[in-house]
Amino acid sequence: NFSLLWVADVGYISVAWMLSLGMSAAIYKKGHITIEFIRDKLPKNVKKVLEIVLTLIIIAFFISLIFSGWKTAIMKM
């Protein structure tokens, strides 16, 4: 009846890392979900601007996740 106390924590951290790596790979390969039928009807220069704006929104979202996660971690200490 002996169990290691840290095994669950390692599992949680491993899942978080795998999700982060998967999201990074999806963004790098442009594999995230898009609504193609709207995007395909736009002119080429508008597509580029839209891609830049969406990338900036994604970056802002991840930065907010980092800060809120950091804040939560500090509060739990």
Protein backbone atom coordinates (compact mmCIF):
# COMPACT_ATOMS: atom_id res chain seq x y z
CA ASN A 1 0.00 0.00 0.00
CA PHE A 2 2.73 2.44 -0.98
CA SER A 3 2.13 5.17 -3.53
CA LEU A 4 4.24 8.04 -4.70
CA LEU A 5 2.64 11.39 -3.94
CA TRP A 6 4.12 13.20 -6.92
CA VAL A 7 2.86 10.84 -9.64
CA ALA A 8 -0.41 12.73 -10.17
CA ASP A 9 1.45 16.05 -10.41
CA VAL A 10 3.80 14.64 -13.04
CA GLY A 11 0.77 13.48 -15.01
CA TYR A 12 -0.85 16.93 -14.89
CA ILE A 13 2.35 18.67 -15.93
CA SER A 14 2.93 16.16 -18.74
CA VAL A 15 -0.56 16.77 -20.13
CA ALA A 16 -0.04 20.54 -19.99
CA TRP A 17 3.28 20.23 -21.85
CA MET A 18 1.79 17.96 -24.50
CA LEU A 19 -1.07 20.40 -25.08
CA SER A 20 1.38 23.28 -25.38
CA LEU A 21 3.56 21.39 -27.84
CA GLY A 22 0.52 20.31 -29.86
CA MET A 23 -0.81 23.87 -30.07
CA SER A 24 2.61 25.14 -31.13
CA ALA A 25 2.88 22.51 -33.85
CA ALA A 26 -0.63 23.31 -35.11
CA ILE A 27 0.18 27.01 -35.34
CA TYR A 28 3.53 26.34 -37.04
CA LYS A 29 1.94 24.05 -39.65
CA LYS A 30 -1.15 26.29 -39.95
CA GLY A 31 -3.25 23.34 -38.86
CA HIS A 32 -5.65 25.27 -36.67
CA ILE A 33 -9.34 25.49 -37.49
CA THR A 34 -10.27 28.01 -40.18
CA ILE A 35 -13.42 28.96 -42.04
CA GLU A 36 -12.04 28.50 -45.53
CA PHE A 37 -15.10 29.36 -47.60
CA ILE A 38 -15.03 32.94 -46.27
CA ARG A 39 -11.25 33.32 -46.49
CA ASP A 40 -11.12 32.00 -50.07
CA LYS A 41 -13.50 34.71 -51.29
CA LEU A 42 -11.29 37.54 -50.02
CA PRO A 43 -8.68 39.34 -52.14
CA LYS A 44 -5.06 38.26 -51.69
CA ASN A 45 -3.93 41.41 -49.85
CA VAL A 46 -6.88 41.19 -47.43
CA LYS A 47 -5.99 37.55 -46.73
CA LYS A 48 -2.46 38.59 -45.71
CA VAL A 49 -3.76 41.32 -43.39
CA LEU A 50 -6.33 38.93 -41.92
CA GLU A 51 -3.63 36.32 -41.30
CA ILE A 52 -1.44 38.87 -39.51
CA VAL A 53 -4.34 40.10 -37.37
CA LEU A 54 -5.36 36.56 -36.43
CA THR A 55 -1.77 35.65 -35.56
CA LEU A 56 -1.56 38.70 -33.29
CA ILE A 57 -4.83 37.70 -31.61
CA ILE A 58 -3.50 34.18 -31.02
CA ILE A 59 -0.26 35.57 -29.56
CA ALA A 60 -2.22 37.91 -27.27
CA PHE A 61 -4.36 34.99 -26.11
CA PHE A 62 -1.32 32.87 -25.26
CA ILE A 63 0.34 35.77 -23.45
CA SER A 64 -2.81 36.23 -21.36
CA LEU A 65 -2.78 32.49 -20.59
CA ILE A 66 0.83 32.72 -19.47
CA PHE A 67 0.18 35.69 -17.20
CA SER A 68 -2.98 34.24 -15.66
CA GLY A 69 -1.23 30.91 -15.12
CA TRP A 70 1.74 32.65 -13.53
CA LYS A 71 -0.57 34.69 -11.30
CA THR A 72 -2.46 31.57 -10.22
CA ALA A 73 0.77 29.70 -9.50
CA ILE A 74 2.07 32.56 -7.35
CA MET A 75 -1.22 32.73 -5.43
CA LYS A 76 -1.13 28.98 -4.72
CA MET A 77 2.37 29.11 -3.22
